[in-house]
Amino acid sequence: MIRILSFVLVAIGLLGGVEKAAAAARDVVDRETLKNFVLEAKSLVESAQDEAERTAILETFRTDEKWRHGPIYIFITSFDGTGFFHATQPEREGVNNIDSEDSNGVKIVQQNIAAAQAGGGFTEYLFDNPAIAGEDESTKVSYVAPIEIDGASYYIGAGLYIDSEQTNVAPISWGSLKGQV
């Protein structure tokens, strides 16, 4: 019995325990990989020693395939609703979207702020899919986490479009979401 237990413990140690999902944009296919992707981005931003390094990291989020692949990208918004960084829509930076809502009445930014203020979490709403030209809105699941930048509170997030063939996420009832915001 002790021999079997020792073997299991050694095997777990050699394998590194439970395998962590990859954190590259191209590998985001479900909630777990989405969360890992956002948390890795958060860690990278937090590791910046100064504004120049942070700016370089954000530019990498905008241009590097590891951080931006198809409809998967990073965004950062302040807790007052002002866009700080958006990898695919830089025109959203510096714009306050606190009252933005999707066609179902979901207050997107307010919902994301609430999830981040609770320590991080998943949200769902309709949003333009940059991978599909001319489309109005697609169902998007985002993961957001709180982050401090220069003493100010923000959320960092990313999302995936669940009606895409590459994903494995079931939608949530819109009625239950609308009631949460």
C-alpha atoms as a PDB file:
ATOM      1  CA  MET A   1       0.000   0.000   0.000  1.00  0.00           C
ATOM      2  CA  ILE A   2       2.758   2.444   0.943  1.00  0.00           C
ATOM      3  CA  ARG A   3       4.605   1.460  -2.241  1.00  0.00           C
ATOM      4  CA  ILE A   4       1.568   2.330  -4.405  1.00  0.00           C
ATOM      5  CA  LEU A   5       1.035   5.628  -2.595  1.00  0.00           C
ATOM      6  CA  SER A   6       4.715   6.516  -3.053  1.00  0.00           C
ATOM      7  CA  PHE A   7       4.488   5.720  -6.776  1.00  0.00           C
ATOM      8  CA  VAL A   8       1.416   7.929  -7.174  1.00  0.00           C
ATOM      9  CA  LEU A   9       3.055  10.837  -5.324  1.00  0.00           C
ATOM     10  CA  VAL A  10       6.237  10.509  -7.415  1.00  0.00           C
ATOM     11  CA  ALA A  11       4.194  10.356 -10.629  1.00  0.00           C
ATOM     12  CA  ILE A  12       2.252  13.467  -9.662  1.00  0.00           C
ATOM     13  CA  GLY A  13       5.508  15.255  -8.861  1.00  0.00           C
ATOM     14  CA  LEU A  14       7.083  14.255 -12.178  1.00  0.00           C
ATOM     15  CA  LEU A  15       4.049  15.280 -14.177  1.00  0.00           C
ATOM     16  CA  GLY A  16       3.637  18.560 -12.329  1.00  0.00           C
ATOM     17  CA  GLY A  17       0.225  17.688 -10.940  1.00  0.00           C
ATOM     18  CA  VAL A  18      -2.833  18.676 -12.908  1.00  0.00           C
ATOM     19  CA  GLU A  19      -1.852  19.992 -16.324  1.00  0.00           C
ATOM     20  CA  LYS A  20      -2.483  23.712 -16.739  1.00  0.00           C
ATOM     21  CA  ALA A  21      -4.147  24.688 -19.990  1.00  0.00           C
ATOM     22  CA  ALA A  22      -2.097  26.689 -22.475  1.00  0.00           C
ATOM     23  CA  ALA A  23      -2.483  30.446 -22.353  1.00  0.00           C
ATOM     24  CA  ALA A  24      -2.179  31.479 -25.998  1.00  0.00           C
ATOM     25  CA  ALA A  25      -5.031  33.145 -27.893  1.00  0.00           C
ATOM     26  CA  ARG A  26      -5.133  30.353 -30.481  1.00  0.00           C
ATOM     27  CA  ASP A  27      -5.661  27.811 -27.676  1.00  0.00           C
ATOM     28  CA  VAL A  28      -8.650  29.546 -26.060  1.00  0.00           C
ATOM     29  CA  VAL A  29     -11.597  27.217 -26.682  1.00  0.00           C
ATOM     30  CA  ASP A  30     -13.486  27.062 -23.368  1.00  0.00           C
ATOM     31  CA  ARG A  31     -13.886  28.798 -20.015  1.00  0.00           C
ATOM     32  CA  GLU A  32     -10.783  27.217 -18.455  1.00  0.00           C
ATOM     33  CA  THR A  33      -8.428  28.226 -21.268  1.00  0.00           C
ATOM     34  CA  LEU A  34     -10.043  31.683 -21.419  1.00  0.00           C
ATOM     35  CA  LYS A  35      -9.467  32.250 -17.691  1.00  0.00           C
ATOM     36  CA  ASN A  36      -5.851  31.030 -17.930  1.00  0.00           C
ATOM     37  CA  PHE A  37      -5.258  33.354 -20.896  1.00  0.00           C
ATOM     38  CA  VAL A  38      -6.553  36.398 -18.975  1.00  0.00           C
ATOM     39  CA  LEU A  39      -4.664  35.544 -15.785  1.00  0.00           C
ATOM     40  CA  GLU A  40      -1.407  35.154 -17.722  1.00  0.00           C
ATOM     41  CA  ALA A  41      -1.978  38.541 -19.397  1.00  0.00           C
ATOM     42  CA  LYS A  42      -2.708  40.080 -15.982  1.00  0.00           C
ATOM     43  CA  SER A  43       0.508  38.646 -14.573  1.00  0.00           C
ATOM     44  CA  LEU A  44       2.493  40.032 -17.493  1.00  0.00           C
ATOM     45  CA  VAL A  45       1.023  43.552 -17.095  1.00  0.00           C
ATOM     46  CA  GLU A  46       1.661  43.435 -13.338  1.00  0.00           C
ATOM     47  CA  SER A  47       5.293  42.458 -13.975  1.00  0.00           C
ATOM     48  CA  ALA A  48       5.987  45.731 -15.840  1.00  0.00           C
ATOM     49  CA  GLN A  49       8.593  47.779 -13.985  1.00  0.00           C
ATOM     50  CA  ASP A  50       7.563  51.107 -15.512  1.00  0.00           C
ATOM     51  CA  GLU A  51       5.187  52.750 -17.989  1.00  0.00           C
ATOM     52  CA  ALA A  52       7.504  52.128 -20.967  1.00  0.00           C
ATOM     53  CA  GLU A  53       7.619  48.399 -20.234  1.00  0.00           C
ATOM     54  CA  ARG A  54       3.841  48.278 -19.727  1.00  0.00           C
ATOM     55  CA  THR A  55       3.311  50.119 -23.031  1.00  0.00           C
ATOM     56  CA  ALA A  56       5.528  47.562 -24.782  1.00  0.00           C
ATOM     57  CA  ILE A  57       3.536  44.713 -23.227  1.00  0.00           C
ATOM     58  CA  LEU A  58       0.238  46.264 -24.347  1.00  0.00           C
ATOM     59  CA  GLU A  59       1.594  46.715 -27.874  1.00  0.00           C
ATOM     60  CA  THR A  60       2.506  43.026 -27.820  1.00  0.00           C
ATOM     61  CA  PHE A  61      -1.098  42.243 -26.854  1.00  0.00           C
ATOM     62  CA  ARG A  62      -2.204  44.221 -29.912  1.00  0.00           C
ATOM     63  CA  THR A  63       0.187  42.673 -32.449  1.00  0.00           C
ATOM     64  CA  ASP A  64       1.545  39.307 -31.278  1.00  0.00           C
ATOM     65  CA  GLU A  65      -0.314  36.173 -32.401  1.00  0.00           C
ATOM     66  CA  LYS A  66       0.080  34.637 -28.925  1.00  0.00           C
ATOM     67  CA  TRP A  67      -2.119  37.430 -27.551  1.00  0.00           C
ATOM     68  CA  ARG A  68      -4.389  38.192 -30.508  1.00  0.00           C
ATOM     69  CA  HIS A  69      -5.713  35.455 -32.717  1.00  0.00           C
ATOM     70  CA  GLY A  70      -8.950  35.778 -34.675  1.00  0.00           C
ATOM     71  CA  PRO A  71     -11.659  36.965 -32.258  1.00  0.00           C
ATOM     72  CA  ILE A  72      -9.559  36.353 -29.111  1.00  0.00           C
ATOM     73  CA  TYR A  73      -7.889  39.481 -27.704  1.00  0.00           C
ATOM     74  CA  ILE A  74      -7.154  41.377 -24.468  1.00  0.00           C
ATOM     75  CA  PHE A  75      -9.039  44.442 -23.190  1.00  0.00           C
ATOM     76  CA  ILE A  76      -8.577  46.616 -20.075  1.00  0.00           C
ATOM     77  CA  THR A  77     -11.194  49.011 -18.681  1.00  0.00           C
ATOM     78  CA  SER A  78     -11.209  51.209 -15.577  1.00  0.00           C
ATOM     79  CA  PHE A  79     -13.779  50.675 -12.846  1.00  0.00           C
ATOM     80  CA  ASP A  80     -15.404  53.958 -13.903  1.00  0.00           C
ATOM     81  CA  GLY A  81     -16.044  52.436 -17.346  1.00  0.00           C
ATOM     82  CA  THR A  82     -13.326  54.183 -19.350  1.00  0.00           C
ATOM     83  CA  GLY A  83     -11.461  52.031 -21.849  1.00  0.00           C
ATOM     84  CA  PHE A  84      -7.738  51.837 -21.104  1.00  0.00           C
ATOM     85  CA  PHE A  85      -6.672  49.291 -23.748  1.00  0.00           C
ATOM     86  CA  HIS A  86      -8.472  47.342 -26.470  1.00  0.00           C
ATOM     87  CA  ALA A  87      -6.403  45.156 -28.807  1.00  0.00           C
ATOM     88  CA  THR A  88      -8.828  45.274 -31.748  1.00  0.00           C
ATOM     89  CA  GLN A  89     -10.591  48.610 -31.244  1.00  0.00           C
ATOM     90  CA  PRO A  90      -8.108  51.257 -30.078  1.00  0.00           C
ATOM     91  CA  GLU A  91     -10.817  53.879 -30.687  1.00  0.00           C
ATOM     92  CA  ARG A  92     -12.483  52.559 -27.484  1.00  0.00           C
ATOM     93  CA  GLU A  93      -9.463  53.681 -25.422  1.00  0.00           C
ATOM     94  CA  GLY A  94     -10.174  56.830 -23.419  1.00  0.00           C
ATOM     95  CA  VAL A  95     -13.920  56.500 -24.045  1.00  0.00           C
ATOM     96  CA  ASN A  96     -16.325  55.909 -21.173  1.00  0.00           C
ATOM     97  CA  ASN A  97     -18.740  53.069 -21.958  1.00  0.00           C
ATOM     98  CA  ILE A  98     -20.249  52.587 -18.495  1.00  0.00           C
ATOM     99  CA  ASP A  99     -23.796  52.599 -19.897  1.00  0.00           C
ATOM    100  CA  SER A 100     -23.153  50.491 -23.007  1.00  0.00           C
ATOM    101  CA  GLU A 101     -25.589  47.634 -23.410  1.00  0.00           C
ATOM    102  CA  ASP A 102     -26.185  44.896 -25.913  1.00  0.00           C
ATOM    103  CA  SER A 103     -29.430  44.358 -27.818  1.00  0.00           C
ATOM    104  CA  ASN A 104     -30.778  42.279 -24.896  1.00  0.00           C
ATOM    105  CA  GLY A 105     -30.290  45.144 -22.437  1.00  0.00           C
ATOM    106  CA  VAL A 106     -27.237  43.632 -20.711  1.00  0.00           C
ATOM    107  CA  LYS A 107     -25.054  46.457 -19.364  1.00  0.00           C
ATOM    108  CA  ILE A 108     -21.763  45.038 -20.616  1.00  0.00           C
ATOM    109  CA  VAL A 109     -19.224  47.225 -18.803  1.00  0.00           C
ATOM    110  CA  GLN A 110     -21.221  47.336 -15.551  1.00  0.00           C
ATOM    111  CA  GLN A 111     -21.464  43.538 -15.606  1.00  0.00           C
ATOM    112  CA  ASN A 112     -17.709  43.225 -16.201  1.00  0.00           C
ATOM    113  CA  ILE A 113     -16.925  45.685 -13.390  1.00  0.00           C
ATOM    114  CA  ALA A 114     -19.146  43.750 -10.968  1.00  0.00           C
ATOM    115  CA  ALA A 115     -17.438  40.455 -11.859  1.00  0.00           C
ATOM    116  CA  ALA A 116     -13.967  41.980 -11.454  1.00  0.00           C
ATOM    117  CA  GLN A 117     -14.865  43.657  -8.145  1.00  0.00           C
ATOM    118  CA  ALA A 118     -16.003  40.250  -6.889  1.00  0.00           C
ATOM    119  CA  GLY A 119     -12.467  38.952  -7.523  1.00  0.00           C
ATOM    120  CA  GLY A 120     -12.919  37.957 -11.165  1.00  0.00           C
ATOM    121  CA  GLY A 121     -15.424  35.924 -13.093  1.00  0.00           C
ATOM    122  CA  PHE A 122     -17.255  35.102 -16.290  1.00  0.00           C
ATOM    123  CA  THR A 123     -19.790  37.328 -17.996  1.00  0.00           C
ATOM    124  CA  GLU A 124     -21.907  36.844 -21.105  1.00  0.00           C
ATOM    125  CA  TYR A 125     -23.337  39.339 -23.569  1.00  0.00           C
ATOM    126  CA  LEU A 126     -23.726  40.121 -27.258  1.00  0.00           C
ATOM    127  CA  PHE A 127     -20.804  41.922 -28.936  1.00  0.00           C
ATOM    128  CA  ASP A 128     -19.395  42.542 -32.414  1.00  0.00           C
ATOM    129  CA  ASN A 129     -17.170  39.655 -33.515  1.00  0.00           C
ATOM    130  CA  PRO A 130     -14.100  41.144 -35.258  1.00  0.00           C
ATOM    131  CA  ALA A 131     -13.567  37.855 -37.112  1.00  0.00           C
ATOM    132  CA  ILE A 132     -16.904  38.186 -38.964  1.00  0.00           C
ATOM    133  CA  ALA A 133     -17.175  41.234 -41.222  1.00  0.00           C
ATOM    134  CA  GLY A 134     -20.551  42.947 -41.287  1.00  0.00           C
ATOM    135  CA  GLU A 135     -22.042  41.000 -38.374  1.00  0.00           C
ATOM    136  CA  ASP A 136     -23.945  43.002 -35.792  1.00  0.00           C
ATOM    137  CA  GLU A 137     -23.568  40.945 -32.587  1.00  0.00           C
ATOM    138  CA  SER A 138     -22.477  37.473 -31.531  1.00  0.00           C
ATOM    139  CA  THR A 139     -22.792  35.764 -28.152  1.00  0.00           C
ATOM    140  CA  LYS A 140     -19.586  36.377 -26.195  1.00  0.00           C
ATOM    141  CA  VAL A 141     -18.369  34.855 -22.934  1.00  0.00           C
ATOM    142  CA  SER A 142     -15.675  36.917 -21.222  1.00  0.00           C
ATOM    143  CA  TYR A 143     -13.483  36.354 -18.219  1.00  0.00           C
ATOM    144  CA  VAL A 144     -12.464  39.506 -16.336  1.00  0.00           C
ATOM    145  CA  ALA A 145     -10.097  39.953 -13.396  1.00  0.00           C
ATOM    146  CA  PRO A 146      -9.244  42.997 -11.288  1.00  0.00           C
ATOM    147  CA  ILE A 147      -5.903  44.682 -11.886  1.00  0.00           C
ATOM    148  CA  GLU A 148      -4.205  47.750 -10.401  1.00  0.00           C
ATOM    149  CA  ILE A 149      -2.291  50.043 -12.750  1.00  0.00           C
ATOM    150  CA  ASP A 150      -0.523  53.072 -11.273  1.00  0.00           C
ATOM    151  CA  GLY A 151      -2.761  52.900  -8.199  1.00  0.00           C
ATOM    152  CA  ALA A 152      -6.024  52.883 -10.187  1.00  0.00           C
ATOM    153  CA  SER A 153      -8.515  49.998 -10.386  1.00  0.00           C
ATOM    154  CA  TYR A 154      -9.222  48.292 -13.717  1.00  0.00           C
ATOM    155  CA  TYR A 155     -10.386  44.981 -15.060  1.00  0.00           C
ATOM    156  CA  ILE A 156      -8.469  42.984 -17.623  1.00  0.00           C
ATOM    157  CA  GLY A 157     -10.326  40.510 -19.760  1.00  0.00           C
ATOM    158  CA  ALA A 158     -10.769  38.555 -22.928  1.00  0.00           C
ATOM    159  CA  GLY A 159     -13.678  36.750 -24.447  1.00  0.00           C
ATOM    160  CA  LEU A 160     -14.655  34.096 -26.884  1.00  0.00           C
ATOM    161  CA  TYR A 161     -17.628  33.923 -29.167  1.00  0.00           C
ATOM    162  CA  ILE A 162     -19.583  30.801 -28.327  1.00  0.00           C
ATOM    163  CA  ASP A 163     -21.285  30.518 -31.686  1.00  0.00           C
ATOM    164  CA  SER A 164     -17.862  30.058 -33.281  1.00  0.00           C
ATOM    165  CA  GLU A 165     -16.923  26.564 -34.425  1.00  0.00           C
ATOM    166  CA  GLN A 166     -13.697  26.679 -32.383  1.00  0.00           C
ATOM    167  CA  THR A 167     -15.368  26.933 -28.978  1.00  0.00           C
ATOM    168  CA  ASN A 168     -16.841  24.508 -26.505  1.00  0.00           C
ATOM    169  CA  VAL A 169     -19.021  26.754 -24.309  1.00  0.00           C
ATOM    170  CA  ALA A 170     -22.773  26.536 -23.813  1.00  0.00           C
ATOM    171  CA  PRO A 171     -24.736  29.790 -23.608  1.00  0.00           C
ATOM    172  CA  ILE A 172     -26.441  31.044 -20.437  1.00  0.00           C
ATOM    173  CA  SER A 173     -30.065  32.199 -20.414  1.00  0.00           C
ATOM    174  CA  TRP A 174     -30.291  35.902 -21.271  1.00  0.00           C
ATOM    175  CA  GLY A 175     -33.102  36.376 -18.803  1.00  0.00           C
ATOM    176  CA  SER A 176     -30.919  35.239 -15.909  1.00  0.00           C
ATOM    177  CA  LEU A 177     -28.090  37.506 -17.042  1.00  0.00           C
ATOM    178  CA  LYS A 178     -30.282  40.568 -17.376  1.00  0.00           C
ATOM    179  CA  GLY A 179     -31.545  40.019 -13.840  1.00  0.00           C
ATOM    180  CA  GLN A 180     -27.962  39.939 -12.480  1.00  0.00           C
ATOM    181  CA  VAL A 181     -27.044  43.442 -13.634  1.00  0.00           C
END
